[in-house]
Protein backbone atom coordinates (compact mmCIF):
# COMPACT_ATOMS: atom_id res chain seq x y z
CA MET A 1 -7.17 -22.05 8.81
CA LYS A 2 -3.46 -21.30 9.22
CA ILE A 3 -2.33 -17.67 8.96
CA LEU A 4 1.17 -16.20 9.03
CA PHE A 5 1.09 -12.48 9.79
CA ALA A 6 4.22 -10.66 8.59
CA ALA A 7 4.97 -7.15 9.82
CA SER A 8 7.87 -4.81 10.52
CA GLU A 9 6.67 -3.88 14.02
CA CYS A 10 4.37 -5.18 16.73
CA ALA A 11 3.45 -4.07 20.25
CA PRO A 12 4.52 -4.72 22.96
CA PHE A 13 7.90 -5.59 21.45
CA PHE A 14 8.47 -2.46 19.33
CA LYS A 15 6.20 -0.01 17.52
CA THR A 16 6.16 3.41 15.93
CA GLY A 17 2.51 3.67 14.90
CA GLY A 18 -0.81 2.00 14.18
CA LEU A 19 0.74 -0.97 12.36
CA GLY A 20 2.31 -2.05 15.63
CA ASP A 21 -1.08 -2.01 17.35
CA VAL A 22 -2.77 -4.00 14.56
CA ALA A 23 0.02 -6.58 14.48
CA ALA A 24 -0.52 -7.12 18.20
CA ALA A 25 -4.31 -7.11 18.37
CA LEU A 26 -5.52 -8.90 15.24
CA PRO A 27 -3.46 -12.11 15.64
CA LYS A 28 -4.39 -12.25 19.34
CA GLU A 29 -8.08 -12.01 18.49
CA LEU A 30 -7.79 -14.59 15.71
CA ALA A 31 -6.01 -16.97 18.09
CA GLN A 32 -8.85 -16.57 20.59
CA ARG A 33 -11.22 -17.66 17.81
CA GLY A 34 -9.24 -20.88 17.40
CA VAL A 35 -7.33 -19.81 14.29
CA ASP A 36 -3.70 -20.95 14.12
CA CYS A 37 -2.29 -17.46 13.58
CA ARG A 38 1.43 -16.86 13.96
CA VAL A 39 3.45 -13.68 13.54
CA VAL A 40 6.90 -13.12 12.03
CA LEU A 41 8.90 -9.99 12.86
CA PRO A 42 12.44 -8.64 12.71
CA TYR A 43 14.40 -9.15 15.93
CA TYR A 44 15.23 -5.51 16.68
CA GLY A 45 17.81 -4.65 19.30
CA THR A 46 15.29 -2.26 20.89
CA MET A 47 13.08 -5.10 22.14
CA PRO A 48 12.59 -4.79 25.92
CA GLN A 49 14.81 -7.12 27.90
CA GLN A 50 11.86 -8.90 29.49
CA TYR A 51 10.78 -10.21 26.08
CA LYS A 52 14.31 -10.97 24.93
CA GLU A 53 14.64 -13.25 27.93
CA GLN A 54 11.50 -15.15 26.90
CA CYS A 55 12.76 -15.85 23.37
CA GLU A 56 13.84 -19.38 22.51
CA ASP A 57 16.51 -19.92 19.85
CA LEU A 58 15.15 -22.44 17.32
CA PHE A 59 17.84 -22.66 14.63
CA TYR A 60 19.73 -20.61 12.09
CA PHE A 61 20.37 -20.72 8.38
CA TYR A 62 21.80 -18.44 5.71
CA VAL A 63 19.99 -16.26 3.20
CA GLN A 64 21.49 -15.21 -0.11
CA VAL A 65 20.99 -11.46 -0.38
CA GLY A 66 22.36 -11.11 -3.87
CA TRP A 67 26.05 -11.98 -3.52
CA ARG A 68 25.89 -11.69 0.28
CA ARG A 69 25.49 -14.79 2.45
CA GLN A 70 23.68 -13.45 5.51
CA TYR A 71 23.10 -15.16 8.85
CA CYS A 72 19.44 -15.65 9.80
CA GLY A 73 18.63 -16.77 13.31
CA VAL A 74 15.05 -17.76 14.14
CA LYS A 75 13.75 -17.13 17.64
CA GLN A 76 10.35 -18.05 19.06
CA LEU A 77 8.17 -16.58 21.80
CA GLN A 78 4.65 -17.45 23.00
CA LEU A 79 2.42 -14.60 24.21
CA ASN A 80 -1.37 -14.32 24.56
CA GLY A 81 -1.88 -17.60 22.72
CA VAL A 82 0.12 -16.41 19.71
CA THR A 83 3.43 -17.84 18.46
CA TYR A 84 5.88 -15.14 17.41
CA TYR A 85 8.91 -15.81 15.22
CA PHE A 86 11.74 -13.30 15.14
CA ILE A 87 14.25 -13.04 12.29
CA ASP A 88 17.61 -12.32 13.92
CA ASN A 89 20.49 -10.56 12.18
CA LEU A 90 22.54 -8.07 14.19
CA TYR A 91 23.88 -6.27 11.14
CA TYR A 92 20.40 -5.40 9.89
CA PHE A 93 18.33 -5.06 13.04
CA ASP A 94 20.52 -4.20 16.04
CA ARG A 95 20.05 -0.44 15.71
CA ASP A 96 18.58 2.40 17.74
CA GLY A 97 15.44 2.74 15.60
CA LEU A 98 13.25 0.65 13.33
CA TYR A 99 13.34 2.67 10.09
CA GLY A 100 14.99 5.57 8.35
CA TYR A 101 18.34 4.02 7.47
CA PHE A 102 20.16 4.32 4.15
CA ASP A 103 20.00 0.54 3.68
CA ASP A 104 16.33 -0.01 4.55
CA GLY A 105 15.83 -1.56 1.11
CA GLU A 106 18.48 -4.17 1.87
CA ARG A 107 17.23 -4.74 5.42
CA PHE A 108 13.68 -5.49 4.34
CA ALA A 109 14.74 -7.42 1.23
CA PHE A 110 16.59 -9.74 3.63
CA PHE A 111 13.63 -9.90 6.02
CA GLN A 112 11.15 -10.81 3.28
CA MET A 113 13.31 -13.54 1.79
CA ALA A 114 14.17 -14.84 5.27
CA LEU A 115 10.54 -15.17 6.36
CA ILE A 116 9.66 -17.04 3.15
CA GLU A 117 12.61 -19.41 3.47
CA MET A 118 11.82 -19.91 7.17
CA MET A 119 8.36 -21.39 6.57
CA GLU A 120 9.48 -24.85 5.46
CA ARG A 121 12.08 -24.97 8.21
CA ILE A 122 9.52 -24.36 10.99
CA ASP A 123 7.09 -26.75 9.29
CA PHE A 124 4.38 -24.10 9.11
CA ILE A 125 2.98 -23.52 5.64
CA PRO A 126 0.07 -21.06 6.03
CA ASP A 127 -3.12 -20.98 4.04
CA ILE A 128 -2.90 -17.16 4.20
CA LEU A 129 0.26 -15.08 4.35
CA HIS A 130 -0.90 -11.65 5.53
CA VAL A 131 1.64 -8.91 4.79
CA ASN A 132 1.55 -5.27 5.86
CA ASP A 133 2.81 -2.07 4.23
CA TYR A 134 5.81 -1.80 1.97
CA HIS A 135 8.24 -3.54 4.32
CA THR A 136 6.63 -6.89 3.45
CA ALA A 137 4.72 -5.97 0.27
CA MET A 138 7.22 -7.77 -2.01
CA VAL A 139 6.36 -11.14 -0.43
CA PRO A 140 3.43 -11.92 -2.79
CA PHE A 141 5.67 -11.04 -5.75
CA LEU A 142 8.54 -13.16 -4.43
CA LEU A 143 6.29 -16.17 -3.83
CA LYS A 144 5.08 -16.10 -7.43
CA GLU A 145 8.30 -15.09 -9.17
CA LYS A 146 11.34 -16.16 -7.11
CA TYR A 147 10.03 -19.07 -5.03
CA ARG A 148 7.39 -20.52 -7.36
CA TRP A 149 9.45 -23.69 -7.76
CA ILE A 150 8.84 -24.70 -4.12
CA ASN A 151 5.89 -27.12 -4.25
CA ALA A 152 4.98 -26.62 -0.59
CA TYR A 153 4.27 -22.94 -1.27
CA GLN A 154 1.93 -23.42 -4.24
CA GLY A 155 -1.25 -23.21 -2.17
CA ILE A 156 -0.36 -20.10 -0.16
CA ARG A 157 -2.70 -17.17 -0.70
CA THR A 158 -1.72 -13.60 0.18
CA VAL A 159 -3.37 -10.52 1.70
CA LEU A 160 -1.74 -7.07 1.69
CA THR A 161 -2.95 -4.48 4.19
CA ILE A 162 -2.09 -0.87 3.35
CA HIS A 163 -1.85 1.08 6.60
CA ASN A 164 -0.49 4.24 4.98
CA ILE A 165 0.05 4.57 1.24
CA GLU A 166 2.43 7.51 1.80
CA PHE A 167 5.25 5.01 2.30
CA GLN A 168 5.69 2.76 -0.73
CA GLY A 169 9.29 1.53 -0.81
CA TYR A 170 11.01 3.12 -3.83
CA TYR A 171 14.33 1.55 -4.80
CA SER A 172 16.72 1.39 -7.74
CA PRO A 173 15.99 -1.47 -10.18
CA SER A 174 19.39 -2.88 -9.24
CA ILE A 175 17.72 -4.11 -6.04
CA LEU A 176 16.26 -6.97 -8.09
CA TRP A 177 19.58 -8.58 -8.98
CA ASP A 178 21.80 -7.06 -6.31
CA LEU A 179 19.60 -8.05 -3.34
CA PHE A 180 16.80 -10.37 -4.47
CA GLY A 181 19.00 -12.32 -6.89
CA MET A 182 16.42 -12.04 -9.66
CA GLY A 183 16.25 -10.86 -13.23
CA ALA A 184 14.79 -7.53 -14.32
CA GLU A 185 11.95 -8.89 -16.48
CA ARG A 186 9.09 -7.65 -14.26
CA TYR A 187 10.77 -4.26 -14.03
CA GLU A 188 11.39 -3.92 -17.73
CA ASP A 189 7.82 -4.84 -18.65
CA GLY A 190 6.56 -2.19 -16.19
CA THR A 191 4.86 -4.54 -13.74
CA ILE A 192 6.71 -3.43 -10.62
CA ARG A 193 8.15 -0.22 -12.02
CA MET A 194 6.98 3.23 -11.01
CA GLY A 195 8.81 5.89 -12.98
CA ASP A 196 12.40 4.72 -12.98
CA VAL A 197 12.36 2.78 -9.68
CA VAL A 198 11.03 -0.48 -8.27
CA ASN A 199 7.95 0.15 -6.12
CA PHE A 200 7.41 -2.44 -3.37
CA MET A 201 3.82 -1.36 -2.70
CA LYS A 202 2.85 -1.56 -6.37
CA ALA A 203 4.26 -5.08 -6.53
CA GLY A 204 2.21 -6.09 -3.52
CA ILE A 205 -1.01 -4.59 -4.89
CA LEU A 206 -0.62 -6.41 -8.19
CA TYR A 207 0.50 -9.79 -6.83
CA ALA A 208 -1.55 -10.18 -3.63
CA ASP A 209 -4.82 -12.11 -3.81
CA ARG A 210 -6.58 -9.47 -1.72
CA VAL A 211 -5.67 -5.88 -0.78
CA ASN A 212 -7.30 -4.01 2.05
CA THR A 213 -6.88 -0.73 3.84
CA VAL A 214 -7.76 0.16 7.41
CA SER A 215 -11.10 1.87 6.69
CA PRO A 216 -13.68 1.71 3.87
CA SER A 217 -13.46 5.45 3.15
CA TYR A 218 -9.67 5.31 2.83
CA ALA A 219 -10.04 2.40 0.39
CA GLU A 220 -12.11 4.70 -1.81
CA GLU A 221 -9.92 7.76 -1.28
CA ILE A 222 -6.68 6.10 -2.40
CA LYS A 223 -8.26 5.36 -5.78
CA THR A 224 -8.15 9.12 -6.44
CA PRO A 225 -5.12 11.21 -7.49
CA GLU A 226 -5.48 13.36 -4.37
CA PHE A 227 -4.83 10.46 -1.98
CA GLY A 228 -3.38 7.64 -4.11
CA LYS A 229 0.18 9.00 -4.12
CA GLY A 230 0.73 7.85 -7.69
CA LEU A 231 -0.84 4.42 -7.24
CA ASP A 232 -4.45 5.49 -7.79
CA ALA A 233 -4.58 4.11 -11.36
CA ILE A 234 -3.23 0.75 -10.18
CA LEU A 235 -5.75 0.65 -7.33
CA ARG A 236 -8.62 1.48 -9.67
CA MET A 237 -7.46 -1.31 -11.97
CA GLU A 238 -7.32 -3.74 -9.02
CA SER A 239 -10.44 -2.39 -7.29
CA GLY A 240 -12.14 -5.78 -7.49
CA LYS A 241 -9.83 -7.12 -4.80
CA LEU A 242 -9.62 -3.90 -2.75
CA SER A 243 -11.66 -3.34 0.42
CA GLY A 244 -11.51 -1.47 3.70
CA ILE A 245 -11.77 -2.79 7.26
CA VAL A 246 -11.74 -0.41 10.22
CA ASN A 247 -9.12 -1.24 12.83
CA GLY A 248 -10.20 -2.09 16.34
CA ILE A 249 -8.82 -0.99 19.68
CA ASP A 250 -7.88 -3.16 22.62
CA TYR A 251 -10.90 -3.17 24.90
CA ASP A 252 -8.94 -4.76 27.74
CA ILE A 253 -6.46 -1.87 27.89
CA ASN A 254 -8.89 0.91 26.95
CA ASN A 255 -11.65 0.30 29.46
CA PRO A 256 -12.85 3.17 31.67
CA MET A 257 -14.37 0.67 34.10
CA THR A 258 -11.05 -1.07 34.85
CA ASP A 259 -8.22 1.19 33.62
CA PRO A 260 -5.77 1.36 36.56
CA ILE A 261 -4.21 4.60 35.27
CA LEU A 262 -7.37 6.63 35.85
CA HIS A 263 -8.04 8.67 38.97
CA ALA A 264 -11.53 7.13 39.08
CA ASN A 265 -13.22 4.40 37.04
CA TYR A 266 -16.61 4.90 35.46
CA SER A 267 -19.10 3.61 32.91
CA SER A 268 -21.86 4.97 30.68
CA ASP A 269 -24.32 4.13 33.46
CA ASP A 270 -22.38 6.12 36.05
CA LEU A 271 -20.40 9.05 34.63
CA SER A 272 -19.44 10.55 37.98
CA GLY A 273 -15.96 9.07 37.69
CA LYS A 274 -15.38 10.98 34.47
CA ALA A 275 -15.99 14.27 36.25
CA ALA A 276 -13.46 13.20 38.90
CA ASN A 277 -10.91 12.42 36.17
CA LYS A 278 -11.45 15.84 34.63
CA ALA A 279 -10.83 17.57 37.96
CA ALA A 280 -7.72 15.47 38.59
CA LEU A 281 -6.36 16.29 35.11
CA GLN A 282 -6.98 20.02 35.57
CA GLU A 283 -5.24 19.97 38.93
CA ALA A 284 -2.25 17.97 37.64
CA LEU A 285 -1.75 20.39 34.72
CA HIS A 286 -2.24 23.51 36.89
CA LEU A 287 -5.46 24.56 35.19
CA PRO A 288 -8.37 25.97 37.21
CA VAL A 289 -10.47 23.06 38.46
CA ARG A 290 -13.85 23.82 36.91
CA SER A 291 -16.59 21.47 35.81
CA ASP A 292 -18.46 24.14 33.85
CA VAL A 293 -15.73 24.79 31.28
CA PRO A 294 -15.27 22.45 28.28
CA LEU A 295 -11.85 20.81 28.32
CA PHE A 296 -10.45 19.95 24.86
CA GLY A 297 -7.74 17.30 24.63
CA VAL A 298 -5.10 16.52 21.99
CA VAL A 299 -2.92 13.38 22.00
CA SER A 300 -0.96 13.14 18.77
CA ARG A 301 2.15 13.53 16.72
CA LEU A 302 2.32 17.27 16.06
CA THR A 303 2.55 17.34 12.26
CA TYR A 304 0.93 18.96 9.24
CA GLN A 305 -0.62 15.61 8.32
CA LYS A 306 -2.46 15.70 11.64
CA GLY A 307 -3.82 19.15 10.77
CA PHE A 308 -2.41 21.16 13.66
CA HIS A 309 -1.66 24.18 11.52
CA LEU A 310 -5.45 24.59 11.29
CA LEU A 311 -5.77 24.57 15.07
CA ILE A 312 -2.89 27.01 15.53
CA GLU A 313 -4.47 29.45 13.05
CA GLU A 314 -7.59 29.58 15.25
CA LEU A 315 -6.10 29.33 18.74
CA HIS A 316 -6.28 33.04 19.60
CA HIS A 317 -9.89 33.01 18.44
CA LEU A 318 -10.72 29.77 20.27
CA LEU A 319 -9.12 30.90 23.52
CA LYS A 320 -11.37 33.96 23.65
CA TYR A 321 -14.10 31.50 24.63
CA ASP A 322 -14.36 30.08 28.13
CA VAL A 323 -12.47 26.85 27.35
CA GLN A 324 -9.42 24.86 28.41
CA ILE A 325 -7.08 22.96 26.07
CA VAL A 326 -4.39 20.39 26.81
CA VAL A 327 -1.97 19.18 24.14
CA LEU A 328 0.23 16.10 24.53
CA GLY A 329 2.72 15.10 21.84
CA THR A 330 5.92 15.78 19.98
CA GLY A 331 6.69 16.49 16.34
CA ASP A 332 7.35 19.53 14.19
CA PRO A 333 9.53 21.93 16.23
CA THR A 334 7.50 24.91 15.02
CA PHE A 335 4.31 23.35 16.35
CA GLU A 336 5.99 22.43 19.64
CA GLN A 337 7.26 25.98 20.14
CA THR A 338 3.94 27.54 19.12
CA PHE A 339 1.99 25.43 21.60
CA LYS A 340 4.47 26.35 24.35
CA TYR A 341 3.93 30.00 23.45
CA PHE A 342 0.18 29.65 23.92
CA GLU A 343 0.76 27.93 27.26
CA GLY A 344 2.71 30.99 28.38
CA ALA A 345 0.17 33.43 26.97
CA TYR A 346 -2.88 31.65 28.39
CA PRO A 347 -1.70 29.81 31.53
CA ASP A 348 -5.25 29.37 32.88
CA LYS A 349 -6.57 27.99 29.62
CA PHE A 350 -3.79 26.11 27.82
CA SER A 351 -1.35 23.34 28.77
CA ALA A 352 1.29 22.09 26.33
CA GLN A 353 2.93 18.80 27.31
CA ILE A 354 5.65 18.33 24.69
CA GLN A 355 6.50 14.75 25.51
CA PHE A 356 5.47 11.13 25.03
CA ASP A 357 3.65 9.88 28.11
CA VAL A 358 1.33 6.86 27.86
CA LYS A 359 -0.20 7.37 31.31
CA LEU A 360 -0.90 11.06 30.73
CA ALA A 361 -2.47 10.16 27.38
CA GLN A 362 -4.97 7.85 29.11
CA ARG A 363 -5.76 10.60 31.61
CA ILE A 364 -6.40 13.05 28.78
CA TYR A 365 -8.67 10.59 26.98
CA SER A 366 -10.69 10.09 30.16
CA GLY A 367 -10.54 13.61 31.65
CA SER A 368 -11.31 15.69 28.56
CA ASP A 369 -14.78 16.56 27.36
CA ALA A 370 -13.85 16.68 23.67
CA PHE A 371 -10.91 15.50 21.57
CA ILE A 372 -9.48 17.54 18.66
CA MET A 373 -8.33 15.50 15.63
CA PRO A 374 -8.28 17.63 12.44
CA SER A 375 -6.13 15.31 10.27
CA ALA A 376 -5.53 16.17 6.62
CA PHE A 377 -5.84 12.45 5.91
CA GLU A 378 -6.27 9.52 8.26
CA PRO A 379 -6.23 5.92 6.96
CA CYS A 380 -7.98 4.76 10.13
CA GLY A 381 -6.98 6.54 13.31
CA LEU A 382 -7.16 5.01 16.77
CA SER A 383 -7.28 8.09 18.99
CA GLN A 384 -10.85 9.02 18.06
CA MET A 385 -12.01 5.48 18.95
CA ILE A 386 -10.14 5.49 22.25
CA ALA A 387 -11.62 8.92 23.06
CA MET A 388 -15.15 7.68 22.40
CA ARG A 389 -14.51 4.60 24.53
CA TYR A 390 -13.85 7.04 27.41
CA GLY A 391 -16.88 9.21 26.64
CA THR A 392 -14.82 12.04 25.14
CA LEU A 393 -16.39 13.44 21.97
CA PRO A 394 -14.06 13.71 18.94
CA ILE A 395 -13.98 16.79 16.72
CA VAL A 396 -12.69 15.49 13.39
CA HIS A 397 -12.08 16.26 9.76
CA GLU A 398 -14.50 13.91 8.00
CA ILE A 399 -11.91 11.92 6.08
CA GLY A 400 -10.78 8.29 5.93
CA GLY A 401 -11.28 6.34 9.12
CA LEU A 402 -12.47 9.46 10.97
CA LYS A 403 -15.47 9.63 8.65
CA ASP A 404 -16.16 5.92 9.16
CA THR A 405 -16.05 5.97 12.95
CA VAL A 406 -17.43 9.34 14.13
CA ARG A 407 -21.08 10.27 13.59
CA PRO A 408 -21.34 14.09 13.65
CA PHE A 409 -23.87 15.61 16.02
CA ASN A 410 -27.27 16.09 14.40
CA PRO A 411 -29.01 19.06 16.07
CA ILE A 412 -32.39 17.91 14.71
CA THR A 413 -32.35 14.39 16.16
CA GLY A 414 -29.86 15.07 18.95
CA GLU A 415 -27.88 11.99 17.88
CA GLY A 416 -24.18 11.57 17.19
CA THR A 417 -20.87 10.57 18.70
CA GLY A 418 -18.85 13.72 17.99
CA PHE A 419 -18.50 16.73 15.70
CA GLY A 420 -17.19 16.93 12.16
CA PHE A 421 -16.21 19.27 9.35
CA ASN A 422 -15.83 18.48 5.63
CA GLU A 423 -13.69 21.26 4.15
CA PHE A 424 -10.09 21.08 5.35
CA SER A 425 -9.78 24.66 6.56
CA SER A 426 -9.20 26.43 9.86
CA TYR A 427 -12.53 28.21 9.48
CA GLN A 428 -14.50 24.95 9.28
CA LEU A 429 -12.54 23.47 12.18
CA MET A 430 -13.45 26.53 14.24
CA GLU A 431 -17.11 26.16 13.28
CA ALA A 432 -17.08 22.58 14.56
CA LEU A 433 -15.37 23.67 17.78
CA LYS A 434 -17.99 26.39 18.28
CA LYS A 435 -20.80 23.82 17.85
CA ALA A 436 -19.18 21.72 20.58
CA ILE A 437 -18.79 24.70 22.91
CA GLN A 438 -22.37 25.82 22.34
CA LEU A 439 -23.82 22.37 23.05
CA TYR A 440 -21.66 21.89 26.13
CA GLU A 441 -22.72 25.24 27.58
CA SER A 442 -26.41 25.02 26.64
CA SER A 443 -27.44 21.45 27.36
CA SER A 444 -25.79 19.01 29.74
CA PRO A 445 -28.41 16.31 29.02
CA ALA A 446 -27.76 16.53 25.26
CA TRP A 447 -24.00 16.34 25.82
CA GLU A 448 -24.38 13.33 28.12
CA ARG A 449 -26.52 11.61 25.51
CA LEU A 450 -23.71 11.95 22.97
CA MET A 451 -21.22 10.65 25.52
CA ARG A 452 -23.31 7.53 26.10
CA GLU A 453 -23.78 7.00 22.36
CA ALA A 454 -20.02 7.29 21.86
CA MET A 455 -19.28 4.83 24.65
CA ALA A 456 -21.80 2.36 23.17
CA GLU A 457 -19.97 2.16 19.82
CA ASP A 458 -18.28 -1.19 19.16
CA PHE A 459 -14.69 -0.72 18.04
CA SER A 460 -13.47 -4.01 19.49
CA TRP A 461 -11.09 -6.28 17.64
CA GLN A 462 -13.69 -9.00 17.99
CA THR A 463 -15.83 -7.09 15.49
CA ALA A 464 -12.87 -6.18 13.24
CA SER A 465 -11.65 -9.79 13.21
CA ASN A 466 -15.03 -10.94 11.86
CA ALA A 467 -14.41 -8.78 8.80
CA TYR A 468 -10.89 -10.17 8.38
CA MET A 469 -12.17 -13.74 8.60
CA THR A 470 -14.69 -12.92 5.86
CA LEU A 471 -11.85 -11.44 3.78
CA TYR A 472 -9.68 -14.54 4.22
CA GLU A 473 -12.53 -16.90 3.38
CA SER A 474 -13.43 -14.93 0.25
CA ILE A 475 -10.10 -15.95 -1.30
CA PHE A 476 -11.09 -19.61 -1.28
CA ASN A 477 -14.72 -19.15 -2.33
């Protein structure tokens, strides 16, 4: 099977979120299974120099973006058994960031047409063209409407993965003729129209052969008005081709037995190293070094979507208990300032690290006892899986991928991999936190049992890739 994976970002070249992790991990795992999986990406100017130097210039051609004749260079790089193609155009992609520009519609219209027109030129016609989020969601539509005359493309089947339905790609209908060089028929008959704009995501949902999201619960949630962001009716209509597959995490990078960032390595059979990591983290953040106090960690963007207003509402209450909390992240300035206030008010209990620090994040995952993740919605989430990999018990709002990956502690059976709450309120978050505190203080054996259960969960990409292979094969059966 030949697969072309199209995305707007991919680690380690450039990423802003979970899409970048998936675009790195899934093709690598598929390649290890013997699948000819290749990846096509924009050639952003922010790519680290070490990877730029490894790129080979293959050729260039021109793409008609409406009336514009735009240069398209194609570069190639081999990494981890995967072939990466980069679409090069300085005007569109040599910028400080990846997204958020006034001409994003034009930038990704060019990218989508360029990757389609590239396929014949590199002599790689995939069986599956796997597109991701709105930046590439028009590709299934373009293959069937604009490029249907190309015989070599007739057998291509398409998969659209929705990583976050919040971002759909809304643009004026003029984008069809002004950028894509097409007529307005599919807009005028309502197919790709949402209100009075073209909706890239809607086009992808309707035209792709399969649509999936990054967790089964999120696949169900987005069929409701509360989570569907206006596309719930379309997703209900297309529910026969909609499914959910939980993302994996990289088990090579996130491995407490080998992680070089940690103060001490450990495993579920020997947890002594985890205690050493906790002490090292407390010392580094100038918190009292105590093994008897539960240490709660947060590694996240500090936004309302991540639910941190709930935590802030309860912080004075929570900090009356004998606990420690460390927060790492950046985001809403109000949240940043509030967390810094609590650090000043409770210097022996609270540490606010308002920064982005990959190494400190790993130390928090490994050194904390519990991990707070009260997201309002979470298509999949990776942090809770990383935390469990390191034996740190997540405390989560039971929604989306958090519901699918964390088994709340059952006081009757003593089983679970974390703690959960259903109602999205500060009160229910506090109740879950209190359950964690009570268990930590009352029963070390019970807590260690949960740690070992969490560490035994399989969130590897090997498992996730099995589900994707089943999804791909279902298109041809």
